[in-house]
Protein backbone atom coordinates (compact mmCIF):
# COMPACT_ATOMS: atom_id res chain seq x y z
CA MET A 1 23.20 -4.84 -5.45
CA ASP A 2 22.17 -1.43 -4.18
CA TYR A 3 19.10 -1.73 -1.99
CA SER A 4 18.89 1.92 -0.96
CA LEU A 5 15.56 4.01 -1.08
CA GLN A 6 16.90 5.97 -3.97
CA ASN A 7 16.87 2.80 -6.20
CA HIS A 8 13.52 1.43 -4.99
CA ARG A 9 11.87 2.22 -8.43
CA SER A 10 14.01 -0.59 -10.01
CA PHE A 11 12.00 -3.23 -7.97
CA ILE A 12 8.57 -1.99 -9.19
CA GLY A 13 7.05 -5.01 -11.14
CA SER A 14 9.30 -7.48 -9.77
CA LYS A 15 8.23 -10.82 -8.36
CA ALA A 16 7.96 -10.89 -4.66
CA SER A 17 10.33 -13.89 -4.57
CA ASP A 18 13.06 -11.60 -6.26
CA LEU A 19 12.86 -8.81 -3.75
CA PRO A 20 15.43 -8.26 -0.96
CA SER A 21 14.13 -9.21 2.44
CA PRO A 22 12.42 -7.63 4.32
CA ALA A 23 10.47 -5.79 1.75
CA LEU A 24 7.16 -3.92 1.83
CA ILE A 25 4.76 -4.74 -1.03
CA LEU A 26 1.96 -2.49 -1.86
CA SER A 27 -0.83 -3.06 -4.45
CA LEU A 28 -2.30 0.24 -5.61
CA PRO A 29 -5.56 -1.44 -6.91
CA VAL A 30 -6.01 -3.31 -3.43
CA ILE A 31 -5.44 0.00 -1.52
CA LYS A 32 -7.83 1.94 -3.73
CA LYS A 33 -10.53 -0.83 -3.45
CA ASN A 34 -10.08 -1.02 0.38
CA ILE A 35 -10.34 2.75 0.69
CA GLU A 36 -13.63 2.76 -1.49
CA ARG A 37 -15.18 -0.07 0.54
CA LEU A 38 -14.36 1.74 3.69
CA HIS A 39 -15.67 4.94 2.34
CA GLN A 40 -18.93 3.21 1.47
CA ASP A 41 -19.19 1.73 4.98
CA VAL A 42 -18.60 5.01 6.91
CA GLU A 43 -20.98 6.85 4.54
CA LYS A 44 -23.72 4.41 5.49
CA ALA A 45 -22.90 4.87 9.20
CA GLY A 46 -23.14 8.67 8.71
CA VAL A 47 -19.67 9.51 9.76
CA THR A 48 -16.78 11.18 8.05
CA LEU A 49 -13.33 9.75 7.37
CA ARG A 50 -10.12 10.85 5.71
CA PRO A 51 -8.42 7.76 4.12
CA HIS A 52 -4.71 7.25 4.86
CA VAL A 53 -2.10 4.56 5.18
CA LYS A 54 -0.27 3.80 8.30
CA THR A 55 2.67 1.67 8.90
CA LEU A 56 3.57 -0.44 11.97
CA LYS A 57 6.59 0.73 13.87
């Protein structure tokens, strides 16, 4: 099986147990919810924030 980045779209919607390991699994609804929650918190604190995602090296 070809696990190259060019074929990553073929894994969308797959069960985590069916993915090659290691695999990065992202949930867009969870990311959006977390960004919104963080935005509300920093707004209450009176600061600004530009949401982004970072990965560990």
